[in-house]
Amino acid sequence: MKAVQYRSAGAAPEVVTVPRPDPGPGQVLLKVTAAGVCHSDIAVMSRPAEALGFPLPLTLGHEGAGTVAALGEGVTGLAPGDCVAVYGPWGCGTCTMCAQGKENYCTRAAELGIRPPGLGAPGAIAEYMIVDDPRHLVPLDGLDPVTAVPLTDAGLTPYHAIKTSLPKLTPGSTAVVIGTGGLGHVAIQLLRALTPARVIALDVTEEKLRLAREVGAHEAVLSDGAAAGTVRGLTGGLGAQAVFDFVGAPPTAATAAACVAVEGDVTIVGIGGGTASVGFGTTPYDAAFRAPYWGSRAELIEVLDLARSGVIDVHVETYALDDAPTAYEHLHAGKVNGRAVILPNGQP
């Protein structure tokens, strides 16, 4: 079968031919319908070899959807042909966090060498993939896999981030979304669907701000050194009750901290290496700062339910499997507007 692999540190991903895997006991083999391309993949491929923490080559892709092709011994509750999405942050299944469905916060994953598909385990940008346990599959129930597959990260991650701040996003409140790409443009839609807050979007190009407006942002502001002042001006000097940074670079983390109101939330989701200085006299009184990771299995089910209700419309750009390296080039260059999705077995 064909797969897209990161084969050596510092090299570009390659399309290769590898043996089709067979499911072992308790595992599920998926024929992959769609797989998302994410900045997290680029972050992994930017690390030096000694910082990877797992062997290469690695089949990429932590957003996956497909049809069940074969079941390993002992697997029940699924049948060949079932259309499913993959819950990506795999955990041990038995620790206190996993028992709550919060496998994204598994306390034993590192100890046991459990890694997400595409981020340490073989991923979804291939014609077939192995899912380690049927609990990591969620029925699509009629959703289009091409537009649904980004919801496994680009939908789940902002949903998890936003849920904590919902009590603060009351009528008259403001939410700021920094970075309106794959995750950010979904976050804008979630904020509009779940809250009465005014949504202010920040990004670096007019094309990305245009998408932000199309998906519901009330205001779209160029993300530069003046952005925090603009947000303050739009909020009468008060700042935003919730700020979500989906870039996480040093300049955006600084902007996020400068935008927040007294008792507001700053949530740094992006993995751009930025940090915020927090302390008395440095940040507004009682402002809370968080750095969450992905989301729970229950939250993925909720996100897919929201998609079925029609409140989330993910903007996707599709690529054939052979063109996956080009998709990564476009993403790295900031040329993807929304989410890039690979179709390993052709158009569904």
Protein backbone atom coordinates (compact mmCIF):
# COMPACT_ATOMS: atom_id res chain seq x y z
CA MET A 1 0.00 0.00 0.00
CA LYS A 2 1.02 3.64 -0.37
CA ALA A 3 1.78 5.75 2.69
CA VAL A 4 3.26 9.18 3.40
CA GLN A 5 6.19 8.86 5.76
CA TYR A 6 8.66 11.04 7.57
CA ARG A 7 11.71 8.86 7.04
CA SER A 8 14.74 10.71 8.38
CA ALA A 9 15.24 13.75 10.60
CA GLY A 10 15.16 17.00 8.66
CA ALA A 11 13.94 15.42 5.43
CA ALA A 12 10.70 16.17 3.61
CA PRO A 13 7.87 13.60 3.83
CA GLU A 14 7.82 10.99 1.10
CA VAL A 15 5.23 8.81 -0.63
CA VAL A 16 6.41 5.22 -0.21
CA THR A 17 5.11 1.69 -0.66
CA VAL A 18 4.88 -0.40 2.51
CA PRO A 19 3.17 -3.70 3.37
CA ARG A 20 -0.49 -3.49 4.27
CA PRO A 21 -0.81 -4.18 7.99
CA ASP A 22 -2.98 -6.91 9.49
CA PRO A 23 -4.91 -6.25 12.70
CA GLY A 24 -3.70 -8.06 15.77
CA PRO A 25 -5.90 -9.10 18.71
CA GLY A 26 -8.08 -6.19 19.81
CA GLN A 27 -7.12 -4.03 16.82
CA VAL A 28 -9.06 -2.65 13.85
CA LEU A 29 -7.85 -2.21 10.27
CA LEU A 30 -9.27 0.88 8.53
CA LYS A 31 -9.36 1.63 4.85
CA VAL A 32 -8.62 5.34 5.11
CA THR A 33 -11.12 7.64 3.44
CA ALA A 34 -9.66 10.98 4.50
CA ALA A 35 -6.74 12.25 6.56
CA GLY A 36 -5.95 15.75 7.77
CA VAL A 37 -2.69 17.66 7.49
CA CYS A 38 -1.74 19.70 10.56
CA HIS A 39 0.93 22.13 11.78
CA SER A 40 1.67 19.62 14.54
CA ASP A 41 3.13 17.33 11.87
CA ILE A 42 5.44 20.13 10.76
CA ALA A 43 6.44 20.75 14.37
CA VAL A 44 7.39 17.08 14.73
CA MET A 45 9.38 17.16 11.50
CA SER A 46 11.22 20.27 12.73
CA ARG A 47 12.70 18.53 15.77
CA PRO A 48 16.25 17.17 15.83
CA ALA A 49 16.50 13.37 15.79
CA GLU A 50 17.38 13.17 19.48
CA ALA A 51 14.21 15.06 20.44
CA LEU A 52 11.73 12.87 18.54
CA GLY A 53 11.21 10.21 21.17
CA PHE A 54 10.16 7.56 18.65
CA PRO A 55 11.82 5.71 15.77
CA LEU A 56 11.63 6.66 12.11
CA PRO A 57 10.20 6.10 9.57
CA LEU A 58 6.79 7.35 10.72
CA THR A 59 3.58 7.28 8.69
CA LEU A 60 2.07 10.73 9.19
CA GLY A 61 -1.50 11.82 9.90
CA HIS A 62 -3.25 12.16 13.27
CA GLU A 63 -6.64 13.09 11.80
CA GLY A 64 -8.19 10.00 10.23
CA ALA A 65 -11.52 8.69 8.98
CA GLY A 66 -12.31 5.53 7.08
CA THR A 67 -14.26 2.34 6.73
CA VAL A 68 -13.63 -0.77 8.80
CA ALA A 69 -11.74 -3.25 6.60
CA ALA A 70 -10.97 -6.05 9.07
CA LEU A 71 -11.30 -6.81 12.78
CA GLY A 72 -8.69 -8.34 15.01
CA GLU A 73 -9.45 -11.25 17.30
CA GLY A 74 -11.82 -10.33 20.11
CA VAL A 75 -13.13 -7.07 18.62
CA THR A 76 -16.89 -6.62 18.93
CA GLY A 77 -19.32 -3.79 18.26
CA LEU A 78 -17.98 -3.04 14.76
CA ALA A 79 -18.47 -4.61 11.36
CA PRO A 80 -16.61 -4.34 8.04
CA GLY A 81 -17.86 -1.33 6.11
CA ASP A 82 -18.67 0.81 9.15
CA CYS A 83 -17.76 4.47 8.57
CA VAL A 84 -15.82 5.88 11.50
CA ALA A 85 -13.56 8.69 12.68
CA VAL A 86 -10.41 8.08 14.70
CA TYR A 87 -10.03 9.56 18.18
CA GLY A 88 -6.36 10.49 18.12
CA PRO A 89 -4.94 11.00 21.64
CA TRP A 90 -4.61 7.36 22.59
CA GLY A 91 -4.09 6.49 26.24
CA CYS A 92 -3.72 3.44 28.44
CA GLY A 93 -7.47 3.11 28.99
CA THR A 94 -7.15 2.37 32.71
CA CYS A 95 -5.70 5.38 34.56
CA THR A 96 -7.97 7.86 36.33
CA MET A 97 -8.01 10.24 33.36
CA CYS A 98 -8.66 7.53 30.77
CA ALA A 99 -11.48 6.18 32.94
CA GLN A 100 -13.19 9.55 32.35
CA GLY A 101 -12.61 9.36 28.59
CA LYS A 102 -9.86 11.99 28.91
CA GLU A 103 -7.21 9.98 27.15
CA ASN A 104 -5.66 13.25 26.00
CA TYR A 105 -4.49 13.57 29.62
CA CYS A 106 -3.49 9.92 30.15
CA THR A 107 -1.08 9.78 33.07
CA ARG A 108 0.74 6.66 31.83
CA ALA A 109 1.06 7.17 28.07
CA ALA A 110 4.69 8.31 28.20
CA GLU A 111 5.64 5.56 30.63
CA LEU A 112 4.05 2.89 28.45
CA GLY A 113 5.27 4.30 25.13
CA ILE A 114 1.73 4.97 23.88
CA ARG A 115 1.69 7.63 21.17
CA PRO A 116 -1.00 9.06 18.90
CA PRO A 117 -1.25 7.90 15.30
CA GLY A 118 0.89 10.11 13.10
CA LEU A 119 2.69 11.52 16.13
CA GLY A 120 4.63 8.42 17.09
CA ALA A 121 2.42 5.51 15.99
CA PRO A 122 1.68 4.80 12.30
CA GLY A 123 -0.85 7.37 11.13
CA ALA A 124 -3.68 7.95 8.71
CA ILE A 125 -2.00 9.32 5.57
CA ALA A 126 -1.93 5.88 4.03
CA GLU A 127 -4.32 3.61 2.20
CA TYR A 128 -4.83 1.60 5.41
CA MET A 129 -4.09 2.14 9.10
CA ILE A 130 -4.25 0.14 12.31
CA VAL A 131 -6.32 1.51 15.20
CA ASP A 132 -5.13 0.04 18.48
CA ASP A 133 -8.53 -0.32 20.14
CA PRO A 134 -12.17 -0.02 18.99
CA ARG A 135 -12.82 2.55 21.74
CA HIS A 136 -10.76 4.96 19.63
CA LEU A 137 -13.34 4.89 16.83
CA VAL A 138 -16.46 7.05 16.69
CA PRO A 139 -19.26 6.45 14.13
CA LEU A 140 -19.60 9.12 11.45
CA ASP A 141 -23.34 8.44 11.18
CA GLY A 142 -23.82 10.06 7.80
CA LEU A 143 -21.20 12.81 8.02
CA ASP A 144 -19.02 13.40 4.97
CA PRO A 145 -15.61 11.99 5.96
CA VAL A 146 -13.76 14.68 4.00
CA THR A 147 -15.24 17.59 5.95
CA ALA A 148 -15.59 15.58 9.18
CA VAL A 149 -12.02 14.31 9.47
CA PRO A 150 -10.59 17.70 10.56
CA LEU A 151 -13.05 17.68 13.45
CA THR A 152 -10.98 14.95 15.15
CA ASP A 153 -8.37 17.62 15.94
CA ALA A 154 -9.19 20.97 14.31
CA GLY A 155 -12.69 20.69 15.78
CA LEU A 156 -12.04 18.77 18.98
CA THR A 157 -9.10 20.88 20.15
CA PRO A 158 -10.86 24.28 19.98
CA TYR A 159 -14.06 22.77 21.39
CA HIS A 160 -12.15 21.50 24.42
CA ALA A 161 -10.44 24.88 24.81
CA ILE A 162 -13.68 26.86 24.54
CA LYS A 163 -15.77 24.70 26.90
CA THR A 164 -13.85 25.83 29.98
CA SER A 165 -14.50 29.50 29.18
CA LEU A 166 -18.21 29.18 28.42
CA PRO A 167 -19.33 30.59 31.83
CA LYS A 168 -17.44 33.82 31.07
CA LEU A 169 -18.84 34.24 27.55
CA THR A 170 -22.12 35.82 28.57
CA PRO A 171 -24.15 38.46 26.70
CA GLY A 172 -21.98 41.54 26.20
CA SER A 173 -18.73 39.58 26.41
CA THR A 174 -15.95 39.37 23.83
CA ALA A 175 -13.90 36.41 22.61
CA VAL A 176 -10.69 36.84 20.61
CA VAL A 177 -9.45 34.16 18.20
CA ILE A 178 -5.79 34.53 17.17
CA GLY A 179 -5.02 32.49 14.05
CA THR A 180 -7.97 31.70 11.80
CA GLY A 181 -6.61 28.66 9.96
CA GLY A 182 -7.47 25.01 10.48
CA LEU A 183 -8.37 25.27 14.18
CA GLY A 184 -9.18 28.96 14.39
CA HIS A 185 -11.85 29.08 11.70
CA VAL A 186 -13.64 26.21 13.46
CA ALA A 187 -13.27 27.99 16.81
CA ILE A 188 -15.05 31.04 15.42
CA GLN A 189 -18.01 28.88 14.39
CA LEU A 190 -18.08 27.13 17.77
CA LEU A 191 -18.07 30.45 19.60
CA ARG A 192 -20.92 31.73 17.46
CA ALA A 193 -22.94 28.53 17.99
CA LEU A 194 -22.32 28.12 21.71
CA THR A 195 -22.11 31.68 23.04
CA PRO A 196 -23.61 35.16 22.59
CA ALA A 197 -20.12 36.70 22.68
CA ARG A 198 -18.79 39.12 20.11
CA VAL A 199 -15.98 37.36 18.24
CA ILE A 200 -12.88 39.26 17.15
CA ALA A 201 -10.54 37.37 14.80
CA LEU A 202 -6.84 38.15 14.35
CA ASP A 203 -4.59 36.94 11.53
CA VAL A 204 -1.75 38.12 9.34
CA THR A 205 -3.32 38.20 5.86
CA GLU A 206 -6.50 39.62 4.42
CA GLU A 207 -7.28 36.25 2.80
CA LYS A 208 -7.38 34.55 6.20
CA LEU A 209 -9.38 37.41 7.69
CA ARG A 210 -11.85 37.07 4.83
CA LEU A 211 -12.42 33.43 5.80
CA ALA A 212 -12.86 34.52 9.43
CA ARG A 213 -15.62 36.92 8.39
CA GLU A 214 -17.26 34.28 6.21
CA VAL A 215 -17.52 31.84 9.11
CA GLY A 216 -18.94 34.38 11.53
CA ALA A 217 -16.36 36.70 13.09
CA HIS A 218 -17.93 40.04 14.02
CA GLU A 219 -14.61 41.84 13.62
CA ALA A 220 -11.45 40.84 11.72
CA VAL A 221 -8.22 42.57 12.72
CA LEU A 222 -4.70 42.36 11.30
CA SER A 223 -2.48 40.54 13.78
CA ASP A 224 0.42 42.91 14.32
CA GLY A 225 1.92 45.03 17.08
CA ALA A 226 -1.18 47.22 17.18
CA ALA A 227 -3.70 44.36 17.43
CA ALA A 228 -4.02 44.35 21.23
CA GLY A 229 -4.67 48.07 21.22
CA THR A 230 -7.33 47.59 18.57
CA VAL A 231 -9.02 44.91 20.67
CA ARG A 232 -8.90 47.21 23.70
CA GLY A 233 -10.47 49.95 21.62
CA LEU A 234 -13.24 47.68 20.38
CA THR A 235 -14.03 46.65 23.96
CA GLY A 236 -14.05 50.12 25.48
CA GLY A 237 -10.68 49.55 27.09
CA LEU A 238 -11.83 46.46 29.01
CA GLY A 239 -10.28 43.69 26.93
CA ALA A 240 -11.72 40.26 26.10
CA GLN A 241 -13.27 37.81 28.54
CA ALA A 242 -11.63 34.94 26.61
CA VAL A 243 -8.65 34.91 24.27
CA PHE A 244 -7.76 31.78 22.28
CA ASP A 245 -4.33 31.70 20.64
CA PHE A 246 -4.21 29.02 17.96
CA VAL A 247 -0.70 30.02 16.86
CA GLY A 248 1.18 30.04 20.14
CA ALA A 249 4.22 31.89 18.79
CA PRO A 250 5.99 34.45 21.01
CA PRO A 251 4.31 37.48 19.36
CA THR A 252 0.81 35.97 19.48
CA ALA A 253 1.19 34.82 23.09
CA ALA A 254 2.18 38.37 23.99
CA THR A 255 -0.82 39.73 22.09
CA ALA A 256 -3.12 37.27 23.86
CA ALA A 257 -1.91 38.40 27.29
CA ALA A 258 -2.31 42.04 26.27
CA CYS A 259 -5.91 41.51 25.09
CA VAL A 260 -7.38 39.81 28.15
CA ALA A 261 -9.76 41.50 30.59
CA VAL A 262 -9.82 41.36 34.37
CA GLU A 263 -10.94 37.83 35.36
CA GLY A 264 -10.61 36.77 31.72
CA ASP A 265 -9.15 33.59 30.25
CA VAL A 266 -6.09 33.24 28.01
CA THR A 267 -5.88 29.84 26.35
CA ILE A 268 -2.71 29.11 24.37
CA VAL A 269 -3.49 26.22 22.05
CA GLY A 270 -0.91 26.65 19.29
CA ILE A 271 2.52 25.05 19.62
CA GLY A 272 4.62 27.87 18.20
CA GLY A 273 6.91 28.01 21.24
CA GLY A 274 5.50 31.18 22.76
CA THR A 275 4.99 31.79 26.47
CA ALA A 276 3.14 34.45 28.43
CA SER A 277 4.56 36.35 31.39
CA VAL A 278 2.14 36.00 34.31
CA GLY A 279 2.30 37.78 37.64
CA PHE A 280 0.88 40.49 39.85
CA GLY A 281 1.06 43.79 38.03
CA THR A 282 1.98 42.07 34.77
CA THR A 283 -1.41 40.68 33.82
CA PRO A 284 -4.93 41.92 34.65
CA TYR A 285 -6.26 40.91 38.04
CA ASP A 286 -7.34 37.27 38.29
CA ALA A 287 -6.73 36.50 34.63
CA ALA A 288 -6.34 32.74 34.10
CA PHE A 289 -3.86 31.18 31.68
CA ARG A 290 -4.20 27.66 30.27
CA ALA A 291 -2.39 25.42 27.78
CA PRO A 292 -4.81 22.54 27.03
CA TYR A 293 -4.18 19.54 24.79
CA TRP A 294 -6.61 18.01 22.28
CA GLY A 295 -9.89 16.80 23.92
CA SER A 296 -11.76 13.85 25.40
CA ARG A 297 -13.59 11.05 23.60
CA ALA A 298 -16.92 12.36 24.86
CA GLU A 299 -16.08 15.79 23.48
CA LEU A 300 -15.33 14.33 20.05
CA ILE A 301 -18.80 12.78 20.04
CA GLU A 302 -20.24 16.19 20.95
CA VAL A 303 -18.29 17.90 18.15
CA LEU A 304 -19.58 15.41 15.58
CA ASP A 305 -23.10 15.98 16.88
CA LEU A 306 -22.62 19.72 16.36
CA ALA A 307 -21.50 19.02 12.80
CA ARG A 308 -24.65 16.99 12.16
CA SER A 309 -26.71 19.92 13.39
CA GLY A 310 -25.09 22.09 10.73
CA VAL A 311 -23.35 24.68 12.92
CA ILE A 312 -19.81 23.71 11.81
CA ASP A 313 -18.74 23.94 8.19
CA VAL A 314 -15.04 23.12 7.83
CA HIS A 315 -13.31 24.74 4.88
CA VAL A 316 -11.14 22.03 3.28
CA GLU A 317 -8.67 21.82 0.42
CA THR A 318 -8.28 18.26 -0.85
CA TYR A 319 -5.15 16.53 -2.18
CA ALA A 320 -4.45 13.10 -3.63
CA LEU A 321 -2.11 10.86 -1.64
CA ASP A 322 0.69 11.41 -4.14
CA ASP A 323 0.34 15.17 -3.59
CA ALA A 324 0.58 15.01 0.21
CA PRO A 325 4.17 16.38 0.27
CA THR A 326 2.87 19.40 -1.67
CA ALA A 327 0.11 19.85 0.91
CA TYR A 328 2.76 20.07 3.63
CA GLU A 329 4.70 22.62 1.57
CA HIS A 330 1.56 24.72 1.14
CA LEU A 331 0.75 24.48 4.86
CA HIS A 332 4.27 25.48 5.86
CA ALA A 333 4.13 28.46 3.50
CA GLY A 334 0.78 29.62 4.89
CA LYS A 335 -1.02 28.90 1.62
CA VAL A 336 -3.71 26.59 3.05
CA ASN A 337 -6.92 28.44 3.83
CA GLY A 338 -8.76 26.19 6.28
CA ARG A 339 -7.66 22.55 6.49
CA ALA A 340 -5.76 20.40 3.98
CA VAL A 341 -7.24 16.90 3.64
CA ILE A 342 -5.59 13.94 1.91
CA LEU A 343 -7.74 11.36 0.09
CA PRO A 344 -5.61 8.18 0.25
CA ASN A 345 -8.02 6.03 -1.74
CA GLY A 346 -9.46 8.70 -4.04
CA GLN A 347 -12.60 10.79 -3.72
CA PRO A 348 -15.14 9.09 -1.40
